[in-house]
Every structure is written in C-alpha cells, then in structure tokens.
Amino acid sequence: MRYPVLACLCLALSACGGDFSNDDLEFLNALPRREDLAVKLPGERQRVAGQQVAGATVAMAVKLGELSELAGDTDETGLKFNGGVDGLLSFLETIREAPPTERETDRRIWGPYRDRNRPAFEARFVMTRAGERFDYQLEYRRVNEGEDAWWSFLVGAFQANAGIRKGTGDISLETGRALGKGFFTGMEALERLEIHYQTQALPTRVELVFDYALSSRLPARYVFREGAGNVVEMTFEIHDTDFVAGGQLEDVALTTRWAPDGRGLGSLEVLAGDITGAKYTECWDRLGRVTFLARSWDFLTPTEGSRASCPDVSALDP
C-alpha cells in the first residue's frame, strides 16, 4: 500500500537539516519504528508467498506432504500487513531525520511546509508531551488560512510504560476527513486506517484496522502477536467464501501461528454459514509442507498425519 500524500511531505522534510537536542530525541523516540510493528515472516518461505485461501477446495482437497495453502496465505497476508504499516510509518521515519522548526517545553512543531502536489495546501507535524504520554498530528490547512483552520490527517498517541520505546500506541489516517476538506488522497475507498499496538510486555500485539468507505469483502482487521521464543501469530477474518458446498457462503476466522524455523499451525473456524462452528486445523513443516490436518465435520477421517509434528506455540495461549 502506498501513501502518495505522505511521500510528498517526506520529500519536503528530507531537504531540511540541523541539529537535535536531547529533549528532541525524547519526542522522536516516542514515534513507532517499522521493526517494532512489522510481522516477522519465515524467510525461507517468503519465496512461495502469493497463495490465497480459496474456500472449500483448499480446506478439503489438501493432502499430507503438499504445500500448505494456509501457510502461503499467511505469508501473503503478512507481506500486505507490513506494506500497510510501512507506508504509514515511512513518514514518521522521515520526521526523525529533520529537527523541529519550533520548540516549546512540551511541544515540538515541524513546518509548515507547502504540499508539492497540492499547492493550495500546507502541512505541519505537531507533537505534545504530558508526562510519559505523547500525542502527535499531521495537520493540513489551505495556504493563507488562520491558525484555527488546521485539521488533522494523521493522528497518533503513545504512552510509555516500560522505557521510552516500550508502551502502548495508536495511529489513525483520516482519509474520510481529508475528502470532506476537498483534499484528495487517492485512497477514497478507505474511510480510515488505524494501527493499535502494545510493546511493553510479551506477547506484543499490533492490530491493523481498515474502515472502508464502501462495502468490501477484503479483511477489515488483522492482528499480529509475538510471544516468548519468537513464536508469532496472525489473525484475520475472511467473509463470504464458499468454504463448503451448500446454500450459504461462509465467514471464517483464520489464525496461524509459527515458530522461528518456519513450522506452523493454522486453524480456520466457521463463524457463519452452512456449518457454523466447524473448525479446520493444519500443521506444516519449515518448508510449508502439510504434516497434520484435522476436520471437525469429518467423522470418518477426522485427523491425518502426526499431531506431534506441530510446533509448540503455547507461548501465545491465554
């Protein structure tokens, strides 16, 4: 996912130079970094990412020893998750390279800068501090408008709890508000994008939420967690998929967990449809090949393969 509006402002900031005070760095360290929020994908399997969960054909036709479609879907989704996070955080990374243009005891301002692609608008980035809480906004207004005309396009907050870079945070990109201001972003299909995260204790958690302006079958919410021993988990929902033959389409929740060596465990639970409550479970080896599977609705052959082949991912249990 690309954010052309933020990219243009990044270019304006990159032309700035200067020095930072120690207090400036305290503000900047409250901004999230890519490595804090990115999904950790197994490197050996990223080459086969690109498969998608297609529904009943996948869940019922997969065989032991074949490449896991759940593993491929997890890799593909992880790459898209990282793309969404990366696009949003690239602007914050650029802020770290430019000293503020205004300094107050508990406030920093970068800008205002003219938007290169929208010369009728100018932008500024504002951060405030209250104890260990930091709030920040990327604000826009039309050129020559007054102080009260600023409106927030990107809004974020961070509460430090276990060191300046450890705590809880939220970021939102208000694309619907921008459209209402006559500010076109190229993302009009999206009303809002949100990131919620906590990095203060294991398991860490990052949630990516898409609020679509129009009805969409795309997943609207993704959750990534990382536990002790670098065991990780991705959770999201798929709506209106033909998971099993019948008169209704299914809504399913997909949860996958994997170990650092690439071995993983995935489960699909039917939330609505012909077999509400049914569950499909699958394990795969470090190359993504199926080693175990279970279908709750299959009374003749409910399981195949060795359950012992599944990795220990209990570090993420409640």
Protein backbone atom coordinates (compact mmCIF):
# COMPACT_ATOMS: atom_id res chain seq x y z
CA MET A 1 0.00 0.00 0.00
CA ARG A 2 1.33 3.41 -0.97
CA TYR A 3 0.60 6.77 0.63
CA PRO A 4 1.43 9.41 -2.01
CA VAL A 5 0.33 12.31 0.20
CA LEU A 6 2.76 11.35 2.95
CA ALA A 7 5.50 10.63 0.43
CA CYS A 8 5.34 14.19 -0.90
CA LEU A 9 5.70 15.62 2.58
CA CYS A 10 8.61 13.27 3.22
CA LEU A 11 10.40 14.86 0.25
CA ALA A 12 9.88 18.31 1.74
CA LEU A 13 11.22 17.21 5.12
CA SER A 14 14.22 15.42 3.63
CA ALA A 15 15.52 18.74 2.36
CA CYS A 16 15.78 20.09 5.90
CA GLY A 17 18.89 19.88 8.03
CA GLY A 18 20.04 20.89 11.51
CA ASP A 19 20.81 19.62 14.99
CA PHE A 20 18.75 17.80 17.61
CA SER A 21 18.64 18.48 21.34
CA ASN A 22 18.45 15.63 23.87
CA ASP A 23 14.87 16.67 24.55
CA ASP A 24 14.08 16.49 20.82
CA LEU A 25 15.21 12.86 20.89
CA GLU A 26 12.78 12.06 23.69
CA PHE A 27 9.94 13.21 21.46
CA LEU A 28 11.26 11.33 18.43
CA ASN A 29 11.77 8.10 20.37
CA ALA A 30 8.04 8.07 21.14
CA LEU A 31 7.29 7.53 17.44
CA PRO A 32 6.93 3.85 16.43
CA ARG A 33 9.52 2.23 14.19
CA ARG A 34 8.99 -0.30 11.43
CA GLU A 35 10.81 -3.04 13.33
CA ASP A 36 8.53 -2.55 16.34
CA LEU A 37 5.33 -3.27 14.41
CA ALA A 38 6.26 -5.47 11.43
CA VAL A 39 5.20 -9.10 11.03
CA LYS A 40 8.16 -11.48 11.33
CA LEU A 41 7.81 -13.84 8.37
CA PRO A 42 9.83 -17.05 7.94
CA GLY A 43 12.48 -16.06 5.39
CA GLU A 44 12.68 -19.48 3.74
CA ARG A 45 9.00 -19.41 2.80
CA GLN A 46 8.63 -15.86 1.54
CA ARG A 47 9.52 -17.09 -1.94
CA VAL A 48 6.30 -19.15 -2.12
CA ALA A 49 4.01 -16.45 -0.73
CA GLY A 50 1.19 -15.48 -3.02
CA GLN A 51 -1.28 -18.27 -2.50
CA GLN A 52 -4.72 -17.41 -1.16
CA VAL A 53 -7.32 -19.32 0.84
CA ALA A 54 -9.91 -20.04 -1.85
CA GLY A 55 -12.51 -21.87 0.24
CA ALA A 56 -13.75 -25.47 0.21
CA THR A 57 -11.36 -26.65 -2.49
CA VAL A 58 -8.36 -25.72 -0.35
CA ALA A 59 -9.61 -26.92 3.01
CA MET A 60 -10.88 -30.30 1.82
CA ALA A 61 -8.50 -31.22 -1.01
CA VAL A 62 -5.13 -30.57 0.63
CA LYS A 63 -3.05 -33.69 1.28
CA LEU A 64 -0.19 -34.54 3.58
CA GLY A 65 3.15 -33.52 2.09
CA GLU A 66 1.66 -30.84 -0.17
CA LEU A 67 2.38 -27.16 0.27
CA SER A 68 0.06 -25.66 2.83
CA GLU A 69 -2.35 -23.10 1.42
CA LEU A 70 -2.77 -21.66 4.93
CA ALA A 71 0.98 -21.12 5.17
CA GLY A 72 1.01 -19.40 1.80
CA ASP A 73 -1.95 -17.24 2.71
CA THR A 74 -0.28 -16.29 5.99
CA ASP A 75 2.88 -15.22 4.18
CA GLU A 76 0.93 -13.19 1.62
CA THR A 77 -1.15 -11.51 4.32
CA GLY A 78 1.97 -10.78 6.37
CA LEU A 79 3.55 -9.05 3.39
CA LYS A 80 0.42 -6.94 2.88
CA PHE A 81 0.28 -6.15 6.61
CA ASN A 82 3.88 -4.96 6.51
CA GLY A 83 3.12 -2.89 3.41
CA GLY A 84 0.31 -1.10 5.22
CA VAL A 85 2.44 -0.46 8.30
CA ASP A 86 5.48 0.54 6.27
CA GLY A 87 3.60 3.07 4.18
CA LEU A 88 2.20 4.77 7.25
CA LEU A 89 5.42 4.72 9.25
CA SER A 90 7.69 5.89 6.42
CA PHE A 91 6.56 9.44 7.08
CA LEU A 92 7.37 9.13 10.80
CA GLU A 93 10.80 7.76 9.90
CA THR A 94 11.44 10.94 7.88
CA ILE A 95 10.40 13.12 10.81
CA ARG A 96 13.29 11.61 12.78
CA GLU A 97 15.75 12.96 10.21
CA ALA A 98 14.62 16.59 10.43
CA PRO A 99 14.90 18.74 13.57
CA PRO A 100 11.78 20.63 14.63
CA THR A 101 11.28 24.17 13.39
CA GLU A 102 9.66 25.27 16.67
CA ARG A 103 10.42 24.17 20.23
CA GLU A 104 8.46 24.67 23.43
CA THR A 105 8.93 22.88 26.76
CA ASP A 106 6.38 20.16 25.98
CA ARG A 107 5.69 20.81 22.31
CA ARG A 108 7.51 20.43 19.00
CA ILE A 109 6.43 21.58 15.53
CA TRP A 110 7.81 20.66 12.11
CA GLY A 111 6.71 23.04 9.37
CA PRO A 112 4.56 24.37 7.93
CA TYR A 113 5.63 23.06 4.52
CA ARG A 114 3.86 23.52 1.18
CA ASP A 115 2.39 20.29 -0.23
CA ARG A 116 4.20 19.81 -3.54
CA ASN A 117 1.35 18.02 -5.32
CA ARG A 118 -1.38 20.16 -3.78
CA PRO A 119 -0.05 23.73 -3.80
CA ALA A 120 -3.30 25.04 -2.29
CA PHE A 121 -2.45 23.21 0.97
CA GLU A 122 0.35 23.34 3.51
CA ALA A 123 1.18 20.87 6.29
CA ARG A 124 2.83 20.72 9.67
CA PHE A 125 3.62 17.97 12.19
CA VAL A 126 2.89 18.70 15.87
CA MET A 127 3.91 16.68 18.97
CA THR A 128 2.94 17.38 22.58
CA ARG A 129 4.12 15.75 25.81
CA ALA A 130 2.29 15.25 29.11
CA GLY A 131 4.40 13.18 31.49
CA GLU A 132 5.11 9.92 29.64
CA ARG A 133 2.31 10.39 27.12
CA PHE A 134 2.98 11.82 23.66
CA ASP A 135 0.34 12.95 21.16
CA TYR A 136 1.04 13.89 17.55
CA GLN A 137 -0.82 15.07 14.46
CA LEU A 138 -0.04 15.66 10.82
CA GLU A 139 -2.18 18.74 10.12
CA TYR A 140 -3.24 20.47 6.92
CA ARG A 141 -4.84 23.78 6.01
CA ARG A 142 -5.24 25.86 2.89
CA VAL A 143 -2.46 28.36 2.28
CA ASN A 144 -3.09 31.75 3.93
CA GLU A 145 -5.77 30.39 6.28
CA GLY A 146 -5.58 31.14 10.01
CA GLU A 147 -4.44 29.07 12.99
CA ASP A 148 -7.94 27.71 13.59
CA ALA A 149 -8.07 26.23 10.09
CA TRP A 150 -5.64 23.36 10.79
CA TRP A 151 -7.24 19.88 10.62
CA SER A 152 -5.66 16.51 11.39
CA PHE A 153 -4.97 13.97 8.65
CA LEU A 154 -2.80 11.63 10.71
CA VAL A 155 -3.37 11.31 14.47
CA GLY A 156 -1.24 9.31 16.90
CA ALA A 157 -0.57 8.78 20.61
CA PHE A 158 1.98 6.85 22.65
CA GLN A 159 2.03 6.04 26.37
CA ALA A 160 5.46 4.94 27.58
CA ASN A 161 5.27 2.29 30.31
CA ALA A 162 8.47 0.25 30.19
CA GLY A 163 11.07 2.62 28.74
CA ILE A 164 10.71 5.36 26.17
CA ARG A 165 10.18 2.93 23.28
CA LYS A 166 8.02 0.44 25.20
CA GLY A 167 4.35 1.04 25.83
CA THR A 168 1.03 1.36 24.05
CA GLY A 169 0.16 3.41 20.99
CA ASP A 170 -2.45 4.25 18.39
CA ILE A 171 -2.24 5.82 14.91
CA SER A 172 -5.06 6.68 12.52
CA LEU A 173 -5.07 8.02 8.97
CA GLU A 174 -8.26 10.05 8.46
CA THR A 175 -8.83 9.75 4.72
CA GLY A 176 -12.58 10.38 5.00
CA ARG A 177 -11.97 13.66 6.80
CA ALA A 178 -9.48 14.68 4.13
CA LEU A 179 -12.04 14.10 1.39
CA GLY A 180 -14.52 16.25 3.26
CA LYS A 181 -11.96 19.06 3.25
CA GLY A 182 -11.54 18.86 -0.51
CA PHE A 183 -8.16 17.18 -0.05
CA PHE A 184 -7.93 14.21 -2.42
CA THR A 185 -5.56 11.44 -1.33
CA GLY A 186 -6.01 8.69 -3.94
CA MET A 187 -7.37 6.46 -1.14
CA GLU A 188 -11.03 7.45 -1.33
CA ALA A 189 -12.17 3.81 -0.98
CA LEU A 190 -10.87 3.96 2.59
CA GLU A 191 -12.59 5.96 5.32
CA ARG A 192 -9.89 5.39 7.92
CA LEU A 193 -6.83 3.24 8.62
CA GLU A 194 -5.92 2.51 12.23
CA ILE A 195 -2.95 0.88 13.97
CA HIS A 196 -3.14 -0.10 17.64
CA TYR A 197 -0.13 -1.62 19.36
CA GLN A 198 1.45 -2.57 22.67
CA THR A 199 5.15 -3.34 23.03
CA GLN A 200 5.54 -3.16 26.81
CA ALA A 201 5.23 -6.89 27.55
CA LEU A 202 5.05 -10.29 25.86
CA PRO A 203 3.09 -11.18 23.90
CA THR A 204 3.39 -7.91 22.00
CA ARG A 205 0.40 -7.02 19.83
CA VAL A 206 -0.21 -4.98 16.66
CA GLU A 207 -3.69 -4.51 15.21
CA LEU A 208 -4.33 -3.10 11.74
CA VAL A 209 -7.93 -1.95 11.06
CA PHE A 210 -9.33 -0.85 7.69
CA ASP A 211 -12.58 1.14 7.74
CA TYR A 212 -13.77 1.01 4.13
CA ALA A 213 -15.90 3.82 2.71
CA LEU A 214 -17.80 1.26 0.61
CA SER A 215 -18.76 -2.35 1.26
CA SER A 216 -15.76 -4.65 0.81
CA ARG A 217 -15.08 -8.38 1.03
CA LEU A 218 -11.49 -7.69 1.99
CA PRO A 219 -10.49 -8.41 5.61
CA ALA A 220 -11.05 -5.33 7.73
CA ARG A 221 -9.00 -6.29 10.77
CA TYR A 222 -5.65 -8.03 11.20
CA VAL A 223 -3.93 -8.84 14.49
CA PHE A 224 -0.28 -9.79 14.86
CA ARG A 225 1.19 -11.04 18.15
CA GLU A 226 4.68 -12.14 19.18
CA GLY A 227 5.38 -14.22 22.27
CA ALA A 228 8.36 -15.63 24.14
CA GLY A 229 10.80 -17.57 21.99
CA ASN A 230 9.86 -15.54 18.88
CA VAL A 231 6.66 -17.50 18.37
CA VAL A 232 4.26 -15.34 16.34
CA GLU A 233 0.59 -15.28 15.35
CA MET A 234 -1.56 -13.69 12.65
CA THR A 235 -5.36 -13.48 12.93
CA PHE A 236 -7.90 -12.14 10.43
CA GLU A 237 -11.37 -12.89 9.07
CA ILE A 238 -12.49 -13.80 5.54
CA HIS A 239 -16.11 -13.07 4.61
CA ASP A 240 -18.44 -14.60 2.01
CA THR A 241 -16.21 -17.50 0.99
CA ASP A 242 -17.52 -20.87 -0.25
CA PHE A 243 -15.80 -22.92 2.44
CA VAL A 244 -18.04 -25.98 1.99
CA ALA A 245 -20.66 -26.92 -0.60
CA GLY A 246 -24.08 -25.67 0.43
CA GLY A 247 -26.62 -22.93 0.11
CA GLN A 248 -24.76 -20.27 2.10
CA LEU A 249 -21.42 -18.52 1.90
CA GLU A 250 -19.25 -18.69 4.99
CA ASP A 251 -17.50 -16.16 7.18
CA VAL A 252 -14.34 -17.72 8.60
CA ALA A 253 -11.68 -16.65 11.08
CA LEU A 254 -8.12 -17.64 10.23
CA THR A 255 -5.48 -17.90 12.95
CA THR A 256 -1.96 -19.04 12.14
CA ARG A 257 0.99 -19.41 14.47
CA TRP A 258 4.54 -20.22 13.52
CA ALA A 259 7.93 -20.84 15.10
CA PRO A 260 11.21 -19.14 14.10
CA ASP A 261 12.21 -22.17 11.99
CA GLY A 262 9.09 -21.74 9.81
CA ARG A 263 6.99 -24.61 11.16
CA GLY A 264 3.44 -23.54 11.80
CA LEU A 265 -0.10 -24.31 12.87
CA GLY A 266 -3.20 -22.81 11.29
CA SER A 267 -6.87 -23.05 12.13
CA LEU A 268 -9.99 -21.94 10.28
CA GLU A 269 -13.21 -21.55 12.28
CA VAL A 270 -16.55 -21.04 10.52
CA LEU A 271 -18.28 -18.04 12.09
CA ALA A 272 -21.38 -18.11 9.90
CA GLY A 273 -22.74 -20.20 7.04
CA ASP A 274 -23.72 -23.80 6.38
CA ILE A 275 -21.54 -25.34 9.10
CA THR A 276 -21.24 -22.60 11.71
CA GLY A 277 -18.81 -23.62 14.45
CA ALA A 278 -16.89 -26.12 12.31
CA LYS A 279 -13.11 -25.98 12.60
CA TYR A 280 -10.24 -27.00 10.33
CA THR A 281 -6.69 -27.34 11.70
CA GLU A 282 -3.44 -27.84 9.82
CA CYS A 283 0.28 -28.01 10.64
CA TRP A 284 3.23 -27.62 8.28
CA ASP A 285 6.99 -28.07 8.33
CA ARG A 286 9.64 -25.37 7.81
CA LEU A 287 9.19 -25.58 4.02
CA GLY A 288 5.42 -25.18 4.28
CA ARG A 289 4.50 -28.83 3.61
CA VAL A 290 1.45 -30.21 5.42
CA THR A 291 2.29 -32.67 8.22
CA PHE A 292 -1.04 -32.85 10.08
CA LEU A 293 -4.66 -31.90 9.45
CA ALA A 294 -7.97 -32.20 11.26
CA ARG A 295 -11.56 -31.54 10.11
CA SER A 296 -14.18 -31.35 12.86
CA TRP A 297 -17.00 -32.27 10.46
CA ASP A 298 -15.30 -35.38 9.04
CA PHE A 299 -16.44 -38.31 11.19
CA LEU A 300 -14.73 -40.99 9.05
CA THR A 301 -11.23 -39.48 8.94
CA PRO A 302 -11.19 -36.59 11.42
CA THR A 303 -7.37 -36.39 11.50
CA GLU A 304 -4.45 -37.27 9.26
CA GLY A 305 -0.71 -37.19 9.91
CA SER A 306 1.11 -36.66 13.20
CA ARG A 307 -0.10 -34.08 15.70
CA ALA A 308 3.38 -34.31 17.28
CA SER A 309 4.77 -32.62 14.15
CA CYS A 310 3.03 -29.38 15.10
CA PRO A 311 5.30 -26.74 16.69
CA ASP A 312 4.95 -25.71 20.32
CA VAL A 313 3.21 -22.32 20.09
CA SER A 314 1.77 -22.35 23.61
CA ALA A 315 3.62 -19.11 24.46
CA LEU A 316 0.67 -17.35 22.78
CA ASP A 317 -2.05 -19.15 24.72
CA PRO A 318 -4.24 -17.04 27.04
